[in-house]
Amino acid sequence: MKKKPRLLVVGSFVMDLIVSVQELPGSGETILGRAFSTAPGGKGANQAIQAARLGARVDMVGRVGDDDFGRRLTASAQEAGVDVSHVAVDKSQPSAVGNVLLETDEAGKSRNRIVVIPGANMAVAPQDLAFLKDQAGAYDMVLLQHEIPAGVNLLAAEYAAAAGVPVMLNPAPAAAVPEELLKQLAYIAPNEHELESLTGISVKKNGQLDQDALSRAVKVLHDRGAKNVVVTLGSEGAAVSNGTEMIYSPCVDAIKAVDPTAAGDSFVGAFCTAVCAGADHRTALRLANCAASLTVSRMGAQPSLPWLSEVKELLDRLGGSPIDRSLLESLNGSRPGRIGDIARRSLETSKQLAGRELERFLSEMDAESYEAAAGLIWDAQAKGGRVHVTGIGKPAHVANYIASLLSSTGTPACFLHGTEAVHGSCGQLAPGDVVVCISNSGETAEMKSTVTAIQNNGCKVIGVSGNPKSWLAKRADAHIFAGVDQEGGPLNRAPRNSVLAEMLALQGLSVILQAQRGLTPQEYVRWHPGGALGALRDNER
């Protein structure tokens, strides 16, 4: 089998606004919902992320608005390893939003209704595809959907077909497919409702699949020029026809359905990844059904899309065939002790994200933002007070470093253990001291207890957090902002960029204090006798 398929997705980004209800409202009816959440989505982005999570190399073309939703949408794709260098930020249109009404009855059965406001998706233009005219041959497949302008889809298909690259169209939302586009397609993948819209033939009777009707509907698309027709059939699984043979793959019923959102996108992304990795249609259907089943078992669009390891685990539970395992191994593409492509892409994505986050953060730093904090420290020292630095969790390590940095640059400081502060370590404090307290959220319970104890001991607090409206920011006597939008790395959870921002923010404070004090080279050398810095440079003698 081929290794590491490379896919191009030309499509949409949509921020889903999800309302969960027990029963969908009727006309003119107002009801109370169960829950509300937001999740990144969009058919194009969903398919791109699913393919990337299964091990494919994925590039995406699309547009988002210059807004918070747009930044979240592109960050979500990047975190999965999708290359978004061809995703434009549109200044004239907001990012698309999708209003998802999700009904779950008492038996646990779900259905949804979705309204999409296309926003920047409909601003995708032919110039966004200019690179493809010469570079289409670099891809194993191009994936399209109906959430961007039809003319852009046709142009992408023409560029791909001219380079001999197969094209997949997921004709959703349901809309007519021009004959000139249909003839360019290697694959078209409607669901049962979209198939009926395209052919006028319903493939189910009384909720049961009518195989004769399915064959007739598929033949209509073949007769119009489609080479391969893939149909998703809900609880009936999926089927693929190449014009001479129809292959069925049953739905995986080992999973409890919770939210059907993005199930079709998961299927398409997984199917295309498998085909481009060299799998036959039967194996590709099996992999795609497993991925889609995992997707419906979780809430939200992109948060529910499974990773390769999860699909592998499900296939193992179902008794995966040797060819399934061979496919998964080819997609994984790494051996013990070697760094695979997914890890490499994750590192590159993290580097790019860190660069953008820190560039933005540094551009907003200025001397005036330190005036209140520096003033507290200068006043305390003038009266014989001391400086302490504390933090909870990862910020505790930052606090230890900053205490050392301040001490070595003319502002003597002590590290105060965050959680031990309320168990006796506040004994190192004296009224009139200043404590620098670091907390990314500024809301943790342990930090609140520590700050309360510090202030009860007559000390001033300089808060450092990523939220200027946090409890810490409001409670502190001075506040230094140290915030980022994205942490970077797999899952986007572990403190990474926020730790860098905290260190940079407090390094800035140390620079202000050192400059104000007028630290001389002779003093600095005297405090560093044991290191390489413990000697005067020629220009300092």
Protein backbone atom coordinates (compact mmCIF):
# COMPACT_ATOMS: atom_id res chain seq x y z
CA MET A 1 0.00 0.00 0.00
CA LYS A 2 1.05 3.63 -0.56
CA LYS A 3 2.17 5.61 2.45
CA LYS A 4 1.05 8.95 3.67
CA PRO A 5 -1.62 10.10 1.21
CA ARG A 6 -1.67 13.83 0.54
CA LEU A 7 -5.11 15.41 0.25
CA LEU A 8 -6.33 18.88 -0.62
CA VAL A 9 -9.65 20.02 0.80
CA VAL A 10 -11.29 23.06 -0.77
CA GLY A 11 -14.15 23.94 1.52
CA SER A 12 -15.76 25.55 4.48
CA PHE A 13 -15.16 26.57 8.07
CA VAL A 14 -18.21 26.95 10.34
CA MET A 15 -18.48 27.61 14.07
CA ASP A 16 -21.34 25.44 15.32
CA LEU A 17 -23.66 26.88 17.97
CA ILE A 18 -25.26 23.76 19.42
CA VAL A 19 -28.57 23.73 21.31
CA SER A 20 -29.62 20.39 22.81
CA VAL A 21 -33.37 19.81 23.26
CA GLN A 22 -35.58 16.90 24.23
CA GLU A 23 -37.95 17.64 21.34
CA LEU A 24 -37.59 19.97 18.36
CA PRO A 25 -39.97 22.94 18.58
CA GLY A 26 -42.90 23.31 16.22
CA SER A 27 -43.83 26.42 14.25
CA GLY A 28 -44.30 29.38 16.60
CA GLU A 29 -43.39 27.28 19.63
CA THR A 30 -40.89 28.28 22.35
CA ILE A 31 -39.29 25.55 24.43
CA LEU A 32 -36.56 25.26 27.06
CA GLY A 33 -33.36 23.61 25.90
CA ARG A 34 -31.13 21.24 27.80
CA ALA A 35 -27.68 22.63 27.03
CA PHE A 36 -25.71 25.00 24.82
CA SER A 37 -22.17 24.66 23.49
CA THR A 38 -19.95 25.79 20.64
CA ALA A 39 -17.69 23.61 18.52
CA PRO A 40 -15.58 24.20 15.39
CA GLY A 41 -17.09 22.67 12.28
CA GLY A 42 -17.76 23.16 8.58
CA LYS A 43 -17.90 20.30 6.13
CA GLY A 44 -14.59 21.12 4.52
CA ALA A 45 -12.71 21.60 7.78
CA ASN A 46 -14.31 18.51 9.30
CA GLN A 47 -13.21 16.33 6.40
CA ALA A 48 -9.72 17.82 6.43
CA ILE A 49 -9.32 17.25 10.16
CA GLN A 50 -10.64 13.71 9.97
CA ALA A 51 -8.16 12.83 7.23
CA ALA A 52 -5.30 14.45 9.16
CA ARG A 53 -6.22 12.62 12.37
CA LEU A 54 -6.05 9.36 10.45
CA GLY A 55 -2.53 10.07 9.24
CA ALA A 56 -2.94 11.84 5.90
CA ARG A 57 -1.05 14.97 4.92
CA VAL A 58 -3.77 17.56 4.38
CA ASP A 59 -3.76 21.08 2.92
CA MET A 60 -6.87 23.23 3.00
CA VAL A 61 -8.18 26.14 0.96
CA GLY A 62 -10.91 28.31 2.47
CA ARG A 63 -11.75 31.60 4.16
CA VAL A 64 -12.59 32.73 7.67
CA GLY A 65 -13.55 36.11 9.04
CA ASP A 66 -11.22 38.41 10.96
CA ASP A 67 -12.82 37.46 14.28
CA ASP A 68 -12.51 35.15 17.27
CA PHE A 69 -14.48 32.39 15.56
CA GLY A 70 -12.10 32.52 12.59
CA ARG A 71 -9.07 32.22 14.83
CA ARG A 72 -10.60 29.29 16.71
CA LEU A 73 -11.53 27.54 13.46
CA THR A 74 -8.07 27.76 11.91
CA ALA A 75 -6.40 26.84 15.20
CA SER A 76 -8.55 23.70 15.44
CA ALA A 77 -7.45 22.62 11.96
CA GLN A 78 -3.80 23.36 12.73
CA GLU A 79 -3.94 21.34 15.95
CA ALA A 80 -4.98 18.30 13.91
CA GLY A 81 -2.03 18.82 11.57
CA VAL A 82 -3.87 20.48 8.68
CA ASP A 83 -1.78 22.98 6.69
CA VAL A 84 -3.82 26.21 6.60
CA SER A 85 -1.34 28.36 4.69
CA HIS A 86 -3.91 28.61 1.87
CA VAL A 87 -6.71 29.72 4.24
CA ALA A 88 -7.38 33.45 3.84
CA VAL A 89 -8.70 35.87 6.45
CA ASP A 90 -11.53 37.85 4.88
CA LYS A 91 -11.92 41.42 6.17
CA SER A 92 -15.36 41.96 4.66
CA GLN A 93 -17.25 38.88 5.89
CA PRO A 94 -17.60 37.27 9.32
CA SER A 95 -16.76 33.63 9.89
CA ALA A 96 -19.61 31.26 9.12
CA VAL A 97 -21.82 30.00 11.92
CA GLY A 98 -24.10 26.98 12.08
CA ASN A 99 -27.19 26.84 14.29
CA VAL A 100 -27.44 23.18 15.33
CA LEU A 101 -30.65 21.98 16.98
CA LEU A 102 -29.95 18.55 18.45
CA GLU A 103 -32.91 16.46 19.60
CA THR A 104 -32.31 13.47 21.86
CA ASP A 105 -35.37 11.50 22.95
CA GLU A 106 -35.79 9.44 26.11
CA ALA A 107 -34.52 6.33 24.32
CA GLY A 108 -31.27 8.12 23.48
CA LYS A 109 -32.01 8.38 19.73
CA SER A 110 -30.74 11.61 18.18
CA ARG A 111 -31.50 13.74 15.14
CA ASN A 112 -30.47 17.23 14.21
CA ARG A 113 -31.45 20.24 12.16
CA ILE A 114 -28.76 22.66 11.04
CA VAL A 115 -28.96 26.18 9.61
CA VAL A 116 -25.68 27.59 8.27
CA ILE A 117 -24.94 31.30 7.76
CA PRO A 118 -22.13 30.98 5.18
CA GLY A 119 -20.30 34.26 5.84
CA ALA A 120 -16.69 34.18 4.60
CA ASN A 121 -17.15 30.74 3.01
CA MET A 122 -18.97 32.34 0.11
CA ALA A 123 -16.09 34.76 -0.38
CA VAL A 124 -13.74 31.94 -1.46
CA ALA A 125 -12.60 33.07 -4.91
CA PRO A 126 -10.75 31.71 -7.96
CA GLN A 127 -7.57 33.53 -6.91
CA ASP A 128 -7.47 31.37 -3.79
CA LEU A 129 -6.84 28.43 -6.13
CA ALA A 130 -4.17 30.07 -8.26
CA PHE A 131 -1.42 27.87 -6.79
CA LEU A 132 -3.36 24.75 -7.77
CA LYS A 133 -2.95 25.34 -11.49
CA ASP A 134 0.71 24.34 -11.24
CA GLN A 135 0.66 22.26 -8.04
CA ALA A 136 -2.43 20.04 -8.38
CA GLY A 137 -0.25 17.06 -9.27
CA ALA A 138 1.24 17.06 -5.76
CA TYR A 139 -2.01 15.68 -4.33
CA ASP A 140 -3.52 12.20 -4.30
CA MET A 141 -7.09 13.53 -4.18
CA VAL A 142 -9.02 16.82 -4.02
CA LEU A 143 -12.13 16.97 -1.79
CA LEU A 144 -15.05 19.37 -2.43
CA GLN A 145 -18.44 20.14 -0.82
CA HIS A 146 -21.35 22.52 -1.39
CA GLU A 147 -20.60 25.17 1.27
CA ILE A 148 -18.48 27.38 -1.01
CA PRO A 149 -19.27 28.96 -4.42
CA ALA A 150 -20.06 26.42 -7.14
CA GLY A 151 -17.70 28.13 -9.57
CA VAL A 152 -14.76 27.59 -7.21
CA ASN A 153 -15.62 23.89 -6.95
CA LEU A 154 -15.69 23.57 -10.74
CA LEU A 155 -12.34 25.36 -11.12
CA ALA A 156 -10.70 23.15 -8.48
CA ALA A 157 -12.05 20.04 -10.21
CA GLU A 158 -10.75 21.23 -13.58
CA TYR A 159 -7.26 21.90 -12.21
CA ALA A 160 -7.19 18.48 -10.51
CA ALA A 161 -8.58 16.57 -13.49
CA ALA A 162 -6.05 18.24 -15.80
CA ALA A 163 -3.28 16.89 -13.56
CA GLY A 164 -4.83 13.41 -13.43
CA VAL A 165 -5.79 13.80 -9.74
CA PRO A 166 -9.09 12.22 -8.62
CA VAL A 167 -11.78 14.50 -7.22
CA MET A 168 -14.33 13.69 -4.51
CA LEU A 169 -17.51 15.77 -4.19
CA ASN A 170 -19.65 15.51 -1.09
CA PRO A 171 -22.83 17.19 -2.47
CA ALA A 172 -23.93 18.64 0.86
CA PRO A 173 -25.95 20.65 1.56
CA ALA A 174 -28.16 19.17 -1.15
CA ALA A 175 -27.95 21.11 -4.39
CA ALA A 176 -27.83 20.40 -8.11
CA VAL A 177 -24.50 19.23 -9.49
CA PRO A 178 -23.74 20.65 -12.96
CA GLU A 179 -23.01 18.08 -15.64
CA GLU A 180 -19.63 19.69 -16.35
CA LEU A 181 -18.62 19.15 -12.72
CA LEU A 182 -20.09 15.66 -12.43
CA LYS A 183 -18.00 14.46 -15.37
CA GLN A 184 -14.81 15.64 -13.64
CA LEU A 185 -15.48 13.56 -10.52
CA ALA A 186 -13.82 10.30 -9.58
CA TYR A 187 -16.16 10.04 -6.57
CA ILE A 188 -19.43 11.58 -5.48
CA ALA A 189 -20.62 10.85 -1.94
CA PRO A 190 -24.24 11.85 -1.20
CA ASN A 191 -26.24 10.64 1.76
CA GLU A 192 -29.64 9.05 1.12
CA HIS A 193 -31.46 12.42 1.17
CA GLU A 194 -28.97 14.12 -1.14
CA LEU A 195 -29.15 11.12 -3.47
CA GLU A 196 -32.92 11.53 -3.70
CA SER A 197 -32.47 15.26 -4.36
CA LEU A 198 -30.05 14.52 -7.19
CA THR A 199 -32.01 11.68 -8.80
CA GLY A 200 -35.62 11.96 -7.62
CA ILE A 201 -35.46 8.38 -6.31
CA SER A 202 -36.07 7.53 -2.64
CA VAL A 203 -33.93 4.59 -1.54
CA LYS A 204 -35.84 3.73 1.63
CA LYS A 205 -39.36 2.49 2.18
CA ASN A 206 -40.84 2.53 5.67
CA GLY A 207 -37.37 3.17 7.04
CA GLN A 208 -35.86 0.12 5.32
CA LEU A 209 -33.32 0.16 2.50
CA ASP A 210 -34.74 -0.64 -0.94
CA GLN A 211 -31.74 -2.09 -2.77
CA ASP A 212 -33.43 -1.97 -6.17
CA ALA A 213 -34.21 1.72 -5.69
CA LEU A 214 -30.62 2.34 -4.57
CA SER A 215 -29.30 0.63 -7.71
CA ARG A 216 -31.56 2.74 -9.92
CA ALA A 217 -30.56 5.98 -8.21
CA VAL A 218 -26.86 5.17 -8.42
CA LYS A 219 -27.23 4.30 -12.11
CA VAL A 220 -28.66 7.77 -12.76
CA LEU A 221 -25.44 9.33 -11.48
CA HIS A 222 -23.27 6.88 -13.40
CA ASP A 223 -25.19 7.66 -16.57
CA ARG A 224 -24.55 11.37 -15.97
CA GLY A 225 -20.80 10.75 -15.78
CA ALA A 226 -19.97 9.89 -12.18
CA LYS A 227 -17.31 7.15 -12.05
CA ASN A 228 -17.79 5.98 -8.44
CA VAL A 229 -20.82 6.66 -6.26
CA VAL A 230 -20.53 6.35 -2.47
CA VAL A 231 -23.80 6.53 -0.52
CA THR A 232 -24.09 6.88 3.26
CA LEU A 233 -27.28 5.26 4.49
CA GLY A 234 -27.47 6.11 8.19
CA SER A 235 -28.28 3.05 10.28
CA GLU A 236 -28.05 0.91 7.11
CA GLY A 237 -24.32 1.63 6.76
CA ALA A 238 -22.88 2.64 3.40
CA ALA A 239 -22.42 1.43 -0.16
CA VAL A 240 -20.11 2.16 -3.06
CA SER A 241 -20.67 1.47 -6.75
CA ASN A 242 -18.15 1.61 -9.57
CA GLY A 243 -20.80 1.06 -12.22
CA THR A 244 -20.40 -2.71 -12.40
CA GLU A 245 -20.35 -3.74 -8.74
CA MET A 246 -22.18 -2.52 -5.63
CA ILE A 247 -20.41 -3.12 -2.29
CA TYR A 248 -22.28 -2.75 1.01
CA SER A 249 -20.78 -2.19 4.46
CA PRO A 250 -23.05 -2.38 7.50
CA CYS A 251 -23.25 0.28 10.18
CA VAL A 252 -21.10 -0.38 13.26
CA ASP A 253 -23.67 -0.95 16.00
CA ALA A 254 -21.20 -1.39 18.88
CA ILE A 255 -21.37 2.37 19.52
CA LYS A 256 -24.19 4.34 21.18
CA ALA A 257 -25.18 7.32 19.04
CA VAL A 258 -25.19 10.67 20.87
CA ASP A 259 -24.86 13.37 18.17
CA PRO A 260 -24.99 12.73 14.40
CA THR A 261 -23.26 16.04 13.58
CA ALA A 262 -20.22 15.54 11.30
CA ALA A 263 -20.81 11.80 10.84
CA GLY A 264 -20.92 12.18 7.06
CA ASP A 265 -17.82 14.36 7.06
CA SER A 266 -15.97 11.81 9.18
CA PHE A 267 -17.00 9.08 6.74
CA VAL A 268 -15.86 11.02 3.66
CA GLY A 269 -12.54 12.07 5.20
CA ALA A 270 -11.80 8.52 6.32
CA PHE A 271 -12.92 6.93 3.03
CA CYS A 272 -10.72 9.23 0.93
CA THR A 273 -7.75 8.71 3.24
CA ALA A 274 -8.07 4.94 2.95
CA VAL A 275 -8.49 4.96 -0.84
CA CYS A 276 -5.47 7.24 -1.28
CA ALA A 277 -3.45 4.96 1.02
CA GLY A 278 -4.13 2.11 -1.41
CA ALA A 279 -7.12 0.40 0.19
CA ASP A 280 -9.80 -1.25 -1.93
CA HIS A 281 -13.38 0.00 -1.66
CA ARG A 282 -14.50 -2.68 0.77
CA THR A 283 -11.69 -1.87 3.22
CA ALA A 284 -12.19 1.86 2.78
CA LEU A 285 -15.91 1.49 3.59
CA ARG A 286 -15.08 -0.48 6.73
CA LEU A 287 -12.59 2.10 7.97
CA ALA A 288 -14.97 4.97 7.16
CA ASN A 289 -17.89 3.33 8.95
CA CYS A 290 -15.75 2.84 12.06
CA ALA A 291 -14.65 6.47 12.03
CA ALA A 292 -18.22 7.72 11.52
CA SER A 293 -19.53 5.48 14.32
CA LEU A 294 -17.00 6.91 16.76
CA THR A 295 -17.97 10.41 15.65
CA VAL A 296 -21.67 9.98 16.44
CA SER A 297 -20.79 8.64 19.90
CA ARG A 298 -19.59 12.09 20.99
CA MET A 299 -20.90 15.67 21.04
CA GLY A 300 -19.87 18.35 18.58
CA ALA A 301 -18.37 18.28 15.10
CA GLN A 302 -14.58 18.46 15.22
CA PRO A 303 -14.23 17.47 18.90
CA SER A 304 -15.89 14.15 18.04
CA LEU A 305 -13.69 13.23 15.05
CA PRO A 306 -11.57 10.20 16.02
CA TRP A 307 -7.82 9.75 15.85
CA LEU A 308 -6.15 6.81 14.13
CA SER A 309 -5.47 5.04 17.43
CA GLU A 310 -9.19 5.14 18.31
CA VAL A 311 -10.22 3.68 14.96
CA LYS A 312 -7.58 0.98 15.35
CA GLU A 313 -8.93 0.11 18.81
CA LEU A 314 -12.49 -0.18 17.46
CA LEU A 315 -11.36 -2.33 14.51
CA ASP A 316 -9.52 -4.60 16.95
CA ARG A 317 -12.70 -4.95 19.02
CA LEU A 318 -14.63 -5.81 15.88
CA GLY A 319 -11.99 -8.31 14.75
CA GLY A 320 -10.14 -6.25 12.14
CA SER A 321 -8.84 -8.17 9.14
CA PRO A 322 -5.11 -8.33 8.28
CA ILE A 323 -5.67 -5.84 5.46
CA ASP A 324 -7.24 -3.41 7.96
CA ARG A 325 -4.15 -3.66 10.15
CA SER A 326 -1.87 -3.22 7.14
CA LEU A 327 -3.75 -0.07 6.18
CA LEU A 328 -3.50 1.34 9.70
CA GLU A 329 0.22 0.62 9.86
CA SER A 330 0.79 2.41 6.55
CA LEU A 331 -1.13 5.44 7.80
CA ASN A 332 0.74 5.51 11.09
CA GLY A 333 4.00 5.52 9.17
CA SER A 334 6.29 5.34 12.19
CA ARG A 335 8.33 2.71 13.99
CA PRO A 336 9.26 2.58 17.69
CA GLY A 337 12.02 5.04 18.34
CA ARG A 338 11.28 7.03 15.15
CA ILE A 339 9.38 10.27 14.84
CA GLY A 340 6.37 9.93 12.52
CA ASP A 341 4.86 12.50 10.17
CA ILE A 342 2.03 13.38 12.56
CA ALA A 343 4.53 14.26 15.27
CA ARG A 344 6.59 16.31 12.81
CA ARG A 345 3.53 18.24 11.67
CA SER A 346 2.46 18.79 15.28
CA LEU A 347 5.86 20.29 16.05
CA GLU A 348 5.75 22.58 13.01
CA THR A 349 2.23 23.68 13.89
CA SER A 350 3.25 24.40 17.47
CA LYS A 351 6.23 26.43 16.29
CA GLN A 352 4.07 28.53 13.98
CA LEU A 353 1.43 29.04 16.65
CA ALA A 354 3.98 30.00 19.30
CA GLY A 355 5.56 32.49 16.91
CA ARG A 356 2.22 34.19 16.22
CA GLU A 357 1.11 34.18 19.85
CA LEU A 358 4.37 35.60 21.18
CA GLU A 359 4.68 38.15 18.38
CA ARG A 360 1.22 39.47 19.25
CA PHE A 361 1.96 39.41 22.98
CA LEU A 362 5.30 41.21 22.64
CA SER A 363 3.75 43.86 20.38
CA GLU A 364 1.36 44.78 23.21
CA MET A 365 4.03 45.03 25.95
CA ASP A 366 4.97 48.57 26.95
CA ALA A 367 6.72 50.25 29.88
CA GLU A 368 3.52 51.95 31.10
CA SER A 369 1.89 48.57 31.77
CA TYR A 370 4.51 47.97 34.50
CA GLU A 371 4.14 51.28 36.28
CA ALA A 372 1.78 50.12 39.04
CA ALA A 373 3.66 46.88 39.72
CA ALA A 374 7.09 48.50 39.70
CA GLY A 375 5.79 51.26 41.94
CA LEU A 376 4.64 48.76 44.57
CA ILE A 377 8.08 47.12 44.61
CA TRP A 378 9.99 50.42 44.77
CA ASP A 379 7.78 51.65 47.64
CA ALA A 380 8.15 48.38 49.56
CA GLN A 381 11.93 48.29 49.20
CA ALA A 382 12.23 51.93 50.28
CA LYS A 383 10.50 50.95 53.54
CA GLY A 384 12.56 47.80 54.06
CA GLY A 385 10.00 45.42 52.58
CA ARG A 386 10.86 42.35 50.52
CA VAL A 387 9.67 40.75 47.29
CA HIS A 388 8.32 37.20 47.01
CA VAL A 389 7.15 35.28 43.93
CA THR A 390 4.59 32.46 43.95
CA GLY A 391 2.42 30.38 41.61
CA ILE A 392 0.24 27.29 41.52
CA GLY A 393 1.04 24.31 39.27
CA LYS A 394 3.19 25.12 36.22
CA PRO A 395 3.40 28.82 37.19
CA ALA A 396 5.20 27.71 40.36
CA HIS A 397 8.18 26.75 38.20
CA VAL A 398 8.01 30.15 36.49
CA ALA A 399 7.88 31.78 39.94
CA ASN A 400 11.06 30.00 41.06
CA TYR A 401 12.90 31.23 37.97
CA ILE A 402 11.61 34.80 38.27
CA ALA A 403 12.60 35.01 41.95
CA SER A 404 16.13 34.01 40.93
CA LEU A 405 16.15 36.42 37.96
CA LEU A 406 15.01 39.37 40.09
CA SER A 407 17.58 38.58 42.76
CA SER A 408 20.40 38.44 40.21
CA THR A 409 19.43 41.79 38.66
CA GLY A 410 19.18 43.97 41.73
CA THR A 411 15.76 43.18 43.22
CA PRO A 412 16.23 40.61 46.02
CA ALA A 413 13.31 38.16 45.88
CA CYS A 414 12.30 34.89 47.54
CA PHE A 415 10.26 32.01 46.16
CA LEU A 416 7.02 31.39 48.10
CA HIS A 417 5.59 27.89 47.70
CA GLY A 418 2.03 28.37 46.46
CA THR A 419 0.17 25.57 48.21
CA GLU A 420 2.41 25.59 51.30
CA ALA A 421 1.64 29.28 51.79
CA VAL A 422 -1.59 28.36 53.58
CA HIS A 423 0.18 25.70 55.65
CA GLY A 424 2.79 27.84 57.37
CA SER A 425 4.98 29.27 54.60
CA CYS A 426 3.27 32.63 54.96
CA GLY A 427 5.57 32.90 57.98
CA GLN A 428 8.25 34.18 55.57
CA LEU A 429 6.08 37.24 54.90
CA ALA A 430 6.11 40.49 56.83
CA PRO A 431 3.66 43.39 56.61
CA GLY A 432 4.72 45.70 53.81
CA ASP A 433 6.18 42.94 51.62
CA VAL A 434 5.10 42.49 48.00
CA VAL A 435 4.15 39.10 46.49
CA VAL A 436 4.06 38.48 42.74
CA CYS A 437 1.37 35.80 42.17
CA ILE A 438 1.24 33.96 38.81
CA SER A 439 -1.89 32.15 37.58
CA ASN A 440 -2.86 31.72 33.92
CA SER A 441 -6.61 31.68 34.55
CA GLY A 442 -6.55 33.82 37.67
CA GLU A 443 -9.46 31.73 38.96
CA THR A 444 -8.07 28.59 40.64
CA ALA A 445 -9.25 27.82 44.18
CA GLU A 446 -5.72 27.20 45.51
CA MET A 447 -4.53 30.55 44.19
CA LYS A 448 -7.47 32.37 45.77
CA SER A 449 -6.68 30.85 49.17
CA THR A 450 -3.01 31.81 48.83
CA VAL A 451 -3.75 35.40 47.79
CA THR A 452 -6.23 35.81 50.64
CA ALA A 453 -3.64 34.55 53.13
CA ILE A 454 -0.97 36.86 51.68
CA GLN A 455 -3.16 39.92 51.98
CA ASN A 456 -4.29 38.93 55.46
CA ASN A 457 -0.60 39.05 56.42
CA GLY A 458 -0.41 42.69 55.39
CA CYS A 459 1.27 42.22 52.00
CA LYS A 460 0.56 43.76 48.60
CA VAL A 461 -0.14 41.46 45.64
CA ILE A 462 0.96 41.86 42.02
CA GLY A 463 -1.21 39.51 39.96
CA VAL A 464 0.06 37.99 36.71
CA SER A 465 -2.60 36.24 34.60
CA GLY A 466 -3.94 35.77 31.10
CA ASN A 467 -7.34 37.22 31.98
CA PRO A 468 -7.54 40.94 32.84
CA LYS A 469 -11.05 40.39 34.23
CA SER A 470 -10.15 37.42 36.45
CA TRP A 471 -10.56 37.18 40.21
CA LEU A 472 -6.81 37.65 40.60
CA ALA A 473 -6.73 40.72 38.37
CA LYS A 474 -9.52 42.35 40.36
CA ARG A 475 -8.22 41.34 43.79
CA ALA A 476 -4.55 42.23 43.18
CA ASP A 477 -3.10 45.65 44.02
CA ALA A 478 -1.53 45.69 40.54
CA HIS A 479 -1.94 43.40 37.54
CA ILE A 480 0.35 42.37 34.68
CA PHE A 481 -1.30 40.75 31.67
CA ALA A 482 0.34 37.56 30.35
CA GLY A 483 -2.21 35.95 28.07
CA VAL A 484 -2.40 33.95 24.85
CA ASP A 485 -5.30 32.59 22.80
CA GLN A 486 -3.81 29.19 21.96
CA GLU A 487 -1.44 26.98 23.96
CA GLY A 488 -0.25 24.91 20.99
CA GLY A 489 0.63 21.22 20.87
CA PRO A 490 -1.69 18.21 20.66
CA LEU A 491 -5.06 18.83 22.40
CA ASN A 492 -4.20 22.54 22.90
CA ARG A 493 -4.45 22.08 26.68
CA ALA A 494 -1.04 21.72 28.29
CA PRO A 495 0.42 25.11 29.35
CA ARG A 496 2.97 26.02 26.71
CA ASN A 497 2.56 29.45 25.19
CA SER A 498 0.98 30.82 28.38
CA VAL A 499 4.13 29.83 30.31
CA LEU A 500 6.26 31.62 27.72
CA ALA A 501 4.05 34.71 28.02
CA GLU A 502 4.34 34.68 31.83
CA MET A 503 8.11 34.47 31.65
CA LEU A 504 8.33 37.24 29.05
CA ALA A 505 5.99 39.49 31.02
CA LEU A 506 8.03 39.10 34.22
CA GLN A 507 11.32 39.37 32.38
CA GLY A 508 9.99 42.75 31.27
CA LEU A 509 9.38 43.66 34.91
CA SER A 510 12.93 42.63 35.78
CA VAL A 511 14.28 44.85 32.99
CA ILE A 512 12.29 47.83 34.27
CA LEU A 513 13.50 47.31 37.85
CA GLN A 514 17.11 46.70 36.84
CA ALA A 515 17.19 49.83 34.68
CA GLN A 516 15.58 51.91 37.44
CA ARG A 517 18.08 50.66 40.00
CA GLY A 518 21.03 51.32 37.66
CA LEU A 519 22.76 47.95 38.18
CA THR A 520 26.46 48.19 37.27
CA PRO A 521 28.58 45.49 35.62
CA GLN A 522 30.77 45.40 38.74
CA GLU A 523 27.75 44.62 40.94
CA TYR A 524 26.50 41.99 38.54
CA VAL A 525 29.90 40.25 38.42
CA ARG A 526 30.16 40.34 42.21
CA TRP A 527 26.87 38.41 42.45
CA HIS A 528 27.97 35.79 39.88
CA PRO A 529 31.49 34.76 40.96
CA GLY A 530 31.07 31.09 40.09
CA GLY A 531 29.78 31.31 36.52
CA ALA A 532 30.94 32.31 33.07
CA LEU A 533 29.27 35.67 33.68
CA GLY A 534 31.52 36.37 36.67
CA ALA A 535 34.11 38.36 34.77
CA LEU A 536 34.07 41.88 33.39
CA ARG A 537 34.08 42.25 29.63
CA ASP A 538 36.75 44.35 27.99
CA ASN A 539 34.42 47.30 27.49
CA GLU A 540 33.34 47.16 31.16
CA ARG A 541 36.75 47.32 32.84
